[in-house]
Amino acid sequence: MANYQVTPGGNPKFEPSVAVHLLSPNIIIAASVNFTTGSPLAGLYRSIDGGVNWTNTILPPPAGFTGVEAPYVGYGFPNTFILVGHAFPPNGLSGTVVVYKSTDGGASFSLPVIVDPGYGTFINNDATLITIDDSQKSPYRGHVYLVYARQFNIDFTGRTVTFYQRSADEGLTWDTPVLISEVEETAAERPDVAVDLFGNVYVAWINSTPSQNTNFSIRRSFDGGATFGPIIRVSPVTIVPSPLPVPGYAFRVLTWPAIAADTSVVPSTSNTLYAVWQDYRLGYSDIFMSKTSDLGMTWSPPISVTNATPGSQNFFPAIDVSPKTGAIKIIYYTNKLNGFDLDVFVAESNNGGASFVNSRVTTTSFNPNGNSVVPTTLIGDYIDISIIPPDNFIAVWMDTRTGTQTIFAGNLDP
C-alpha cells in the first residue's frame, strides 16, 4: 500500500473528492474544502504521476462571494474536468451552486459560473455532487448531471430536499432545476447520481430524519436526464447516530447515499447498479450494499461489505466500479483496529458483490481530533474514491497524522 500527502499541514482541509483522467490515468484531479486563507474555499489538487506528487491551488469564489464549500470534481472525455461547489456571500446564507471547468486535463480552470442561486434563508443550496456521462454505449455522452441539497425556510422549519440539474452541452448551459425527492421529507441531504452503460441516469438520496420512515430512494431517467420516473425504495435505513457513541468522538456523522454503475462489458456483471450506505441496524455503524440488475426496479437484500468486528464504527462509504473489469471498490473510515483511532479500508469485489475482501489503505492510524485537546466537531462529511483503469484506484480522505486536518491519497498498488 502507498499513502501520499496531498496538501500541507496548517489550517483544516476536509471533504475531498477525486476524479481520474481515463485516457491518461496518471492525471488525477482532487478537491476539498480548504481553510488555508482563513475562509473556506475550494482547494484544487493535481497530480500527473498517478497520485505521488500534487500541486495545490485555491479556486476563487464568484464576485461578491467569500467562500466555497462542498467541492466535487468529475471527469469527461477527452480532457474535461468539471468542479462543482456551493458558494456563499459574507453573511454565510444564500448558498449558490457554481461550476468551474477545465478542457486541458485540469491544467487550468475557468472562473466560476453560477448554475443555481440561493436567496437568503429562503433557499440555501448545499452538498453538491456532479458526474459526466462517459458510458461506452450511451447516446448522451458528454451530458453533465448535477445534484444538490436545497435547504429552505432555514430560520423556521429547516427542511432539505434533493434537486437536480442537467447540462446537455458539456457544462456550457444548464436546464431548469428539478425537484427529485418528496417535499414532505425533511432531511434529504447530499444526494448522489450515477449513469449506467446505456446512459440511463439514477439519482439517489436518503431521508435522514429519524422520526420518519428512512429509506434509500432513487428515481430513474431513460432519456438522458430529461425526465424522471416515480420514486423507488431501495432499502430501509437505520440512521447512524451523530456523533458516534465512542468516548472522545464529537464529530458529526451524517448518513448519505452512494451509488455507482458497472459500465463494463463483462457478461456476468455488466450494467449492475450498486447502492451503498452506512447503517446502524446492527447497533453499530456498518457499511451495507444492495444491487440491481434490472435497471433499478428491484433490489437485493442489503449485505455488509466490511466483515467488521461487532461494535466497531464504519462510516463515510464511497464507491466506484471499474469500467474495464467491473471490479467494485468501496472505501470507508473505520475504528476497528483499536476502537478509537481512524483508518481507511477498502472493500473489493471481483464477482459482482457476491463477496468482498477488505484491506487497510492507510499506513498509519490517526486520532480524529488531531492535536486538539478538545474533541473536534467536524472532520468533514465524506471521503472519495476513483478507479485507475483497469483495476486500481485512488482514494482521498481527511487525515490528522500531521496533527491537523490534511488531505491524503492512497491505494494498494502504487
Protein backbone atom coordinates (compact mmCIF):
# COMPACT_ATOMS: atom_id res chain seq x y z
CA MET A 1 0.00 0.00 0.00
CA ALA A 2 1.07 3.60 -0.50
CA ASN A 3 -0.05 6.88 1.09
CA TYR A 4 0.69 10.33 -0.33
CA GLN A 5 0.23 13.68 1.38
CA VAL A 6 -1.82 15.83 -0.98
CA THR A 7 -1.91 19.10 0.99
CA PRO A 8 0.45 20.65 3.53
CA GLY A 9 -0.47 20.88 7.22
CA GLY A 10 -1.81 24.03 8.79
CA ASN A 11 -5.40 25.22 8.55
CA PRO A 12 -8.03 22.49 8.03
CA LYS A 13 -8.72 20.73 4.74
CA PHE A 14 -11.52 18.15 4.53
CA GLU A 15 -14.35 16.71 2.38
CA PRO A 16 -12.15 15.59 -0.53
CA SER A 17 -13.31 14.33 -3.92
CA VAL A 18 -11.25 12.83 -6.74
CA ALA A 19 -11.50 12.06 -10.46
CA VAL A 20 -9.08 10.21 -12.76
CA HIS A 21 -8.39 11.11 -16.39
CA LEU A 22 -9.48 7.82 -18.01
CA LEU A 23 -7.40 8.37 -21.17
CA SER A 24 -4.26 9.46 -19.26
CA PRO A 25 -4.64 7.78 -15.85
CA ASN A 26 -1.54 9.42 -14.39
CA ILE A 27 -3.51 12.67 -14.36
CA ILE A 28 -5.67 12.91 -11.24
CA ILE A 29 -7.67 15.90 -10.01
CA ALA A 30 -8.82 16.19 -6.40
CA ALA A 31 -10.63 18.92 -4.50
CA SER A 32 -11.55 19.70 -0.90
CA VAL A 33 -12.79 22.38 1.43
CA ASN A 34 -9.63 24.34 2.20
CA PHE A 35 -9.13 26.89 5.02
CA THR A 36 -5.58 27.90 4.07
CA THR A 37 -6.57 31.55 3.60
CA GLY A 38 -8.83 31.57 6.67
CA SER A 39 -12.15 31.33 4.81
CA PRO A 40 -13.39 28.00 3.40
CA LEU A 41 -12.62 27.87 -0.32
CA ALA A 42 -12.33 25.16 -2.99
CA GLY A 43 -8.86 23.65 -2.87
CA LEU A 44 -7.81 22.10 -6.20
CA TYR A 45 -5.04 19.49 -6.37
CA ARG A 46 -3.47 17.97 -9.50
CA SER A 47 -1.16 15.00 -9.91
CA ILE A 48 0.46 13.98 -13.19
CA ASP A 49 2.27 10.95 -11.78
CA GLY A 50 -0.60 8.79 -10.55
CA GLY A 51 -1.05 10.46 -7.19
CA VAL A 52 2.52 10.53 -5.87
CA ASN A 53 3.05 14.30 -6.12
CA TRP A 54 0.44 17.07 -6.11
CA THR A 55 0.22 20.76 -6.96
CA ASN A 56 -2.09 22.89 -4.80
CA THR A 57 -4.33 25.75 -5.99
CA ILE A 58 -7.15 27.70 -4.38
CA LEU A 59 -10.03 28.44 -6.78
CA PRO A 60 -11.51 31.93 -6.46
CA PRO A 61 -15.13 32.39 -5.37
CA PRO A 62 -17.53 34.31 -7.64
CA ALA A 63 -17.56 38.09 -7.35
CA GLY A 64 -19.46 39.12 -4.22
CA PHE A 65 -18.96 35.75 -2.52
CA THR A 66 -16.48 34.98 0.23
CA GLY A 67 -16.46 31.19 0.42
CA VAL A 68 -16.93 27.92 -1.48
CA GLU A 69 -17.72 24.60 0.18
CA ALA A 70 -18.67 21.02 -0.81
CA PRO A 71 -16.40 20.94 -3.90
CA TYR A 72 -16.78 17.83 -6.04
CA VAL A 73 -14.99 17.01 -9.29
CA GLY A 74 -15.99 14.85 -12.28
CA TYR A 75 -14.14 13.75 -15.44
CA GLY A 76 -15.45 13.65 -19.02
CA PHE A 77 -13.89 12.61 -22.34
CA PRO A 78 -11.47 13.65 -23.69
CA ASN A 79 -9.83 16.27 -21.42
CA THR A 80 -12.66 17.75 -19.36
CA PHE A 81 -12.88 18.13 -15.60
CA ILE A 82 -15.79 20.00 -14.01
CA LEU A 83 -15.77 21.02 -10.36
CA VAL A 84 -18.99 21.98 -8.61
CA GLY A 85 -19.35 23.67 -5.26
CA HIS A 86 -21.67 25.85 -3.25
CA ALA A 87 -20.61 29.47 -2.82
CA PHE A 88 -21.88 31.85 -0.18
CA PRO A 89 -21.69 35.64 0.41
CA PRO A 90 -20.33 37.30 3.58
CA ASN A 91 -23.43 36.51 5.68
CA GLY A 92 -23.00 32.79 5.02
CA LEU A 93 -26.51 32.30 3.64
CA SER A 94 -27.83 32.24 0.04
CA GLY A 95 -25.86 29.08 -0.83
CA THR A 96 -25.34 29.22 -4.62
CA VAL A 97 -24.33 26.35 -6.93
CA VAL A 98 -21.26 27.20 -9.04
CA VAL A 99 -19.11 25.26 -11.51
CA TYR A 100 -15.52 25.58 -12.70
CA LYS A 101 -14.50 23.85 -15.95
CA SER A 102 -11.20 22.62 -17.40
CA THR A 103 -10.74 21.47 -21.01
CA ASP A 104 -6.98 20.87 -20.76
CA GLY A 105 -6.83 17.92 -18.41
CA GLY A 106 -7.07 20.00 -15.27
CA ALA A 107 -4.06 22.21 -16.00
CA SER A 108 -6.31 25.28 -15.77
CA PHE A 109 -9.90 26.00 -14.77
CA SER A 110 -12.38 28.67 -15.79
CA LEU A 111 -13.72 31.29 -13.44
CA PRO A 112 -16.83 30.11 -11.57
CA VAL A 113 -20.19 30.15 -13.34
CA ILE A 114 -23.41 30.38 -11.31
CA VAL A 115 -25.80 27.48 -12.02
CA ASP A 116 -28.47 27.96 -9.35
CA PRO A 117 -28.51 30.96 -6.98
CA GLY A 118 -29.57 30.93 -3.34
CA TYR A 119 -31.78 33.50 -1.65
CA GLY A 120 -31.14 34.37 1.98
CA THR A 121 -32.65 31.87 4.42
CA PHE A 122 -35.38 31.00 1.92
CA ILE A 123 -33.14 28.94 -0.39
CA ASN A 124 -29.67 27.65 0.55
CA ASN A 125 -28.15 25.15 -1.91
CA ASP A 126 -25.53 22.83 -0.41
CA ALA A 127 -23.89 19.37 -0.63
CA THR A 128 -23.16 19.48 -4.36
CA LEU A 129 -22.13 16.48 -6.48
CA ILE A 130 -21.54 16.00 -10.21
CA THR A 131 -21.00 13.26 -12.79
CA ILE A 132 -20.30 13.33 -16.52
CA ASP A 133 -21.60 10.64 -18.88
CA ASP A 134 -18.61 8.64 -20.18
CA SER A 135 -20.55 5.41 -20.66
CA GLN A 136 -19.47 3.30 -23.61
CA LYS A 137 -22.92 2.63 -25.10
CA SER A 138 -24.56 5.89 -24.10
CA PRO A 139 -26.09 8.15 -26.77
CA TYR A 140 -25.79 11.01 -24.28
CA ARG A 141 -22.01 11.08 -23.86
CA GLY A 142 -20.92 14.44 -22.50
CA HIS A 143 -24.15 15.15 -20.62
CA VAL A 144 -23.39 16.54 -17.17
CA TYR A 145 -25.60 15.72 -14.19
CA LEU A 146 -25.57 17.82 -11.05
CA VAL A 147 -27.37 17.12 -7.75
CA TYR A 148 -27.51 19.07 -4.53
CA ALA A 149 -29.44 19.53 -1.30
CA ARG A 150 -31.71 22.56 -1.17
CA GLN A 151 -32.34 23.81 2.36
CA PHE A 152 -35.39 26.05 2.60
CA ASN A 153 -37.09 28.14 5.30
CA ILE A 154 -33.92 27.66 7.30
CA ASP A 155 -34.91 30.03 10.09
CA PHE A 156 -38.22 28.18 10.65
CA THR A 157 -38.54 24.50 9.67
CA GLY A 158 -35.10 23.97 8.18
CA ARG A 159 -36.20 21.35 5.64
CA THR A 160 -33.97 19.88 2.95
CA VAL A 161 -34.87 18.34 -0.42
CA THR A 162 -32.93 16.94 -3.38
CA PHE A 163 -32.58 18.99 -6.54
CA TYR A 164 -31.11 18.04 -9.91
CA GLN A 165 -29.86 19.92 -12.96
CA ARG A 166 -28.63 18.77 -16.37
CA SER A 167 -26.31 20.21 -18.96
CA ALA A 168 -26.64 18.68 -22.44
CA ASP A 169 -23.67 20.64 -23.82
CA GLU A 170 -20.80 19.61 -21.52
CA GLY A 171 -21.47 22.27 -18.91
CA LEU A 172 -21.95 25.34 -21.11
CA THR A 173 -25.64 25.81 -20.25
CA TRP A 174 -27.91 24.26 -17.63
CA ASP A 175 -31.55 23.19 -17.62
CA THR A 176 -34.07 24.42 -15.07
CA PRO A 177 -33.65 22.81 -11.60
CA VAL A 178 -35.85 19.77 -10.95
CA LEU A 179 -37.17 18.66 -7.54
CA ILE A 180 -36.33 14.95 -7.18
CA SER A 181 -37.23 13.98 -3.61
CA GLU A 182 -40.58 14.41 -1.86
CA VAL A 183 -41.15 17.82 -0.34
CA GLU A 184 -42.55 16.13 2.78
CA GLU A 185 -39.14 14.66 3.54
CA THR A 186 -37.39 16.94 5.97
CA ALA A 187 -33.73 15.97 5.58
CA ALA A 188 -32.80 14.57 2.15
CA GLU A 189 -29.15 15.56 2.48
CA ARG A 190 -26.33 15.20 -0.11
CA PRO A 191 -27.77 13.12 -2.95
CA ASP A 192 -25.72 11.09 -5.44
CA VAL A 193 -26.08 10.48 -9.18
CA ALA A 194 -24.85 7.69 -11.47
CA VAL A 195 -25.00 6.82 -15.18
CA ASP A 196 -25.21 3.23 -16.42
CA LEU A 197 -23.77 1.59 -19.55
CA PHE A 198 -26.63 2.80 -21.76
CA GLY A 199 -26.73 6.36 -20.45
CA ASN A 200 -29.64 5.89 -18.04
CA VAL A 201 -29.46 8.26 -15.07
CA TYR A 202 -30.12 7.39 -11.42
CA VAL A 203 -30.45 9.97 -8.64
CA ALA A 204 -30.25 8.64 -5.06
CA TRP A 205 -30.99 10.15 -1.67
CA ILE A 206 -31.69 9.13 1.92
CA ASN A 207 -34.32 10.84 4.04
CA SER A 208 -32.26 11.08 7.21
CA THR A 209 -34.91 12.21 9.70
CA PRO A 210 -35.00 9.50 12.42
CA SER A 211 -38.63 10.29 13.33
CA GLN A 212 -39.76 9.41 9.80
CA ASN A 213 -39.56 6.21 7.78
CA THR A 214 -35.99 6.46 6.50
CA ASN A 215 -35.19 4.91 3.12
CA PHE A 216 -32.53 4.80 0.46
CA SER A 217 -34.52 6.01 -2.56
CA ILE A 218 -33.87 6.54 -6.26
CA ARG A 219 -35.52 7.98 -9.34
CA ARG A 220 -34.59 6.93 -12.87
CA SER A 221 -34.31 8.66 -16.23
CA PHE A 222 -34.25 6.76 -19.53
CA ASP A 223 -34.00 9.82 -21.79
CA GLY A 224 -30.64 11.30 -20.89
CA GLY A 225 -31.82 13.02 -17.75
CA ALA A 226 -34.67 14.97 -19.37
CA THR A 227 -37.43 13.38 -17.29
CA PHE A 228 -37.62 11.07 -14.28
CA GLY A 229 -39.94 8.24 -13.25
CA PRO A 230 -41.51 7.65 -9.84
CA ILE A 231 -39.65 7.03 -6.60
CA ILE A 232 -38.30 3.52 -6.00
CA ARG A 233 -37.34 2.47 -2.47
CA VAL A 234 -34.06 0.55 -2.40
CA SER A 235 -33.95 -0.29 1.31
CA PRO A 236 -34.97 0.94 4.75
CA VAL A 237 -32.09 2.68 6.52
CA THR A 238 -31.34 2.91 10.22
CA ILE A 239 -29.69 6.31 10.66
CA VAL A 240 -26.28 6.33 12.31
CA PRO A 241 -26.13 8.47 15.49
CA SER A 242 -24.20 11.71 15.23
CA PRO A 243 -21.75 11.83 16.87
CA LEU A 244 -20.97 8.13 17.06
CA PRO A 245 -21.19 6.66 20.58
CA VAL A 246 -17.45 6.48 21.18
CA PRO A 247 -15.87 8.36 24.15
CA GLY A 248 -13.85 11.25 22.73
CA TYR A 249 -15.83 11.48 19.46
CA ALA A 250 -17.69 14.75 18.91
CA PHE A 251 -17.59 14.99 15.10
CA ARG A 252 -20.86 14.75 13.18
CA VAL A 253 -21.60 11.70 11.05
CA LEU A 254 -24.37 12.26 8.51
CA THR A 255 -25.94 9.32 6.66
CA TRP A 256 -25.79 9.86 2.91
CA PRO A 257 -26.18 7.59 -0.14
CA ALA A 258 -23.57 6.37 -2.61
CA ILE A 259 -24.47 4.84 -5.97
CA ALA A 260 -22.42 3.51 -8.89
CA ALA A 261 -22.99 1.54 -12.10
CA ASP A 262 -20.92 -1.17 -13.76
CA THR A 263 -20.31 0.24 -17.25
CA SER A 264 -18.00 -2.59 -18.29
CA VAL A 265 -18.99 -5.25 -20.81
CA VAL A 266 -18.12 -8.17 -18.51
CA PRO A 267 -21.09 -10.51 -19.15
CA SER A 268 -21.66 -11.55 -15.53
CA THR A 269 -21.82 -8.04 -14.07
CA SER A 270 -22.35 -5.55 -16.89
CA ASN A 271 -24.86 -2.78 -16.09
CA THR A 272 -25.35 -3.84 -12.49
CA LEU A 273 -26.15 -0.88 -10.25
CA TYR A 274 -24.85 -0.74 -6.67
CA ALA A 275 -26.26 1.27 -3.74
CA VAL A 276 -24.06 1.73 -0.66
CA TRP A 277 -24.67 3.45 2.68
CA GLN A 278 -23.79 3.39 6.38
CA ASP A 279 -26.42 1.85 8.64
CA TYR A 280 -26.97 1.32 12.38
CA ARG A 281 -29.31 -1.67 12.15
CA LEU A 282 -26.81 -3.91 13.96
CA GLY A 283 -26.31 -1.49 16.86
CA TYR A 284 -23.10 -0.06 15.40
CA SER A 285 -22.27 1.74 12.18
CA ASP A 286 -21.58 -0.63 9.31
CA ILE A 287 -21.44 -0.34 5.50
CA PHE A 288 -24.23 -2.04 3.54
CA MET A 289 -24.73 -2.66 -0.15
CA SER A 290 -27.73 -3.57 -2.30
CA LYS A 291 -27.64 -4.19 -6.05
CA THR A 292 -29.96 -4.42 -9.04
CA SER A 293 -29.65 -5.97 -12.49
CA ASP A 294 -32.99 -4.76 -13.87
CA LEU A 295 -32.32 -1.03 -14.24
CA GLY A 296 -33.14 -0.26 -10.61
CA MET A 297 -36.61 -1.79 -10.47
CA THR A 298 -35.87 -4.46 -7.84
CA TRP A 299 -33.01 -4.59 -5.33
CA SER A 300 -31.24 -7.39 -3.49
CA PRO A 301 -31.37 -7.67 0.31
CA PRO A 302 -28.64 -5.47 1.83
CA ILE A 303 -25.39 -7.12 2.89
CA SER A 304 -22.47 -5.85 4.96
CA VAL A 305 -19.30 -5.38 2.91
CA THR A 306 -16.83 -4.82 5.78
CA ASN A 307 -16.55 -8.08 7.75
CA ALA A 308 -16.29 -5.65 10.65
CA THR A 309 -15.90 -6.50 14.29
CA PRO A 310 -19.28 -6.07 16.04
CA GLY A 311 -19.27 -2.77 17.91
CA SER A 312 -16.72 -1.12 15.63
CA GLN A 313 -17.74 2.03 13.77
CA ASN A 314 -17.53 2.05 9.97
CA PHE A 315 -18.76 5.12 8.12
CA PHE A 316 -18.45 7.57 5.17
CA PRO A 317 -18.56 4.97 2.36
CA ALA A 318 -17.65 5.88 -1.21
CA ILE A 319 -17.85 3.52 -4.21
CA ASP A 320 -16.53 3.26 -7.74
CA VAL A 321 -16.67 0.43 -10.27
CA SER A 322 -14.07 -0.31 -12.92
CA PRO A 323 -15.39 0.45 -16.44
CA LYS A 324 -12.98 -2.20 -17.73
CA THR A 325 -13.32 -5.16 -15.36
CA GLY A 326 -16.44 -4.45 -13.29
CA ALA A 327 -14.43 -4.69 -10.05
CA ILE A 328 -16.12 -2.93 -7.12
CA LYS A 329 -14.10 -0.73 -4.75
CA ILE A 330 -15.72 0.71 -1.61
CA ILE A 331 -13.69 2.80 0.84
CA TYR A 332 -14.76 3.81 4.33
CA TYR A 333 -13.48 5.13 7.64
CA THR A 334 -13.26 2.61 10.46
CA ASN A 335 -12.02 2.41 14.06
CA LYS A 336 -11.89 -1.39 14.02
CA LEU A 337 -8.14 -1.62 14.70
CA ASN A 338 -8.20 -0.16 18.21
CA GLY A 339 -11.72 1.18 18.81
CA PHE A 340 -10.79 4.88 18.63
CA ASP A 341 -8.22 5.89 16.00
CA LEU A 342 -9.40 6.02 12.42
CA ASP A 343 -8.18 4.19 9.33
CA VAL A 344 -9.38 3.99 5.75
CA PHE A 345 -10.16 0.48 4.47
CA VAL A 346 -11.25 -0.70 1.04
CA ALA A 347 -13.75 -3.49 0.39
CA GLU A 348 -13.11 -5.07 -3.03
CA SER A 349 -15.23 -7.48 -5.03
CA ASN A 350 -14.42 -9.14 -8.35
CA ASN A 351 -17.65 -11.17 -8.52
CA GLY A 352 -20.36 -8.55 -8.73
CA GLY A 353 -20.64 -8.04 -4.97
CA ALA A 354 -21.17 -11.71 -4.06
CA SER A 355 -18.20 -11.45 -1.68
CA PHE A 356 -15.72 -8.81 -0.54
CA VAL A 357 -12.09 -8.73 0.58
CA ASN A 358 -11.22 -5.89 2.97
CA SER A 359 -7.76 -4.30 3.13
CA ARG A 360 -6.24 -1.40 5.00
CA VAL A 361 -5.43 1.64 2.83
CA THR A 362 -3.92 3.95 5.47
CA THR A 363 -0.38 3.19 6.59
CA THR A 364 -0.92 5.00 9.90
CA SER A 365 -3.97 5.16 12.16
CA PHE A 366 -4.87 8.68 13.23
CA ASN A 367 -6.77 10.43 16.01
CA PRO A 368 -9.82 12.18 14.51
CA ASN A 369 -9.20 15.08 16.91
CA GLY A 370 -5.66 15.61 15.66
CA ASN A 371 -3.54 17.53 18.15
CA SER A 372 -6.56 19.26 19.70
CA VAL A 373 -7.17 18.57 23.40
CA VAL A 374 -10.87 19.32 22.81
CA PRO A 375 -12.76 16.79 20.63
CA THR A 376 -13.38 18.28 17.19
CA THR A 377 -16.96 18.69 15.99
CA LEU A 378 -16.20 18.33 12.26
CA ILE A 379 -13.88 16.14 10.22
CA GLY A 380 -15.83 16.78 7.02
CA ASP A 381 -18.80 14.72 5.89
CA TYR A 382 -17.36 12.40 3.20
CA ILE A 383 -14.29 10.88 1.54
CA ASP A 384 -13.95 9.65 -2.06
CA ILE A 385 -12.53 7.10 -4.50
CA SER A 386 -11.94 6.89 -8.24
CA ILE A 387 -10.89 3.94 -10.41
CA ILE A 388 -7.50 3.98 -12.12
CA PRO A 389 -8.08 1.68 -15.13
CA PRO A 390 -8.11 -1.15 -15.48
CA ASP A 391 -8.32 -2.26 -11.84
CA ASN A 392 -6.53 0.06 -9.46
CA PHE A 393 -7.97 3.03 -7.58
CA ILE A 394 -7.05 6.26 -5.85
CA ALA A 395 -8.70 7.09 -2.52
CA VAL A 396 -8.67 10.51 -0.85
CA TRP A 397 -9.50 11.27 2.75
CA MET A 398 -9.02 13.73 5.62
CA ASP A 399 -6.16 12.60 7.85
CA THR A 400 -4.64 14.09 11.02
CA ARG A 401 -1.33 12.19 11.19
CA THR A 402 0.37 15.60 10.70
CA GLY A 403 -1.54 16.94 13.73
CA THR A 404 -4.02 18.97 11.67
CA GLN A 405 -6.72 18.12 9.15
CA THR A 406 -4.84 17.32 5.94
CA ILE A 407 -5.79 15.57 2.69
CA PHE A 408 -4.07 12.26 1.97
CA ALA A 409 -4.36 9.91 -1.01
CA GLY A 410 -3.55 6.24 -1.32
CA ASN A 411 -4.09 2.86 -2.91
CA LEU A 412 -2.95 -0.73 -2.62
CA ASP A 413 -0.84 -0.95 -5.78
CA PRO A 414 1.46 2.06 -6.14
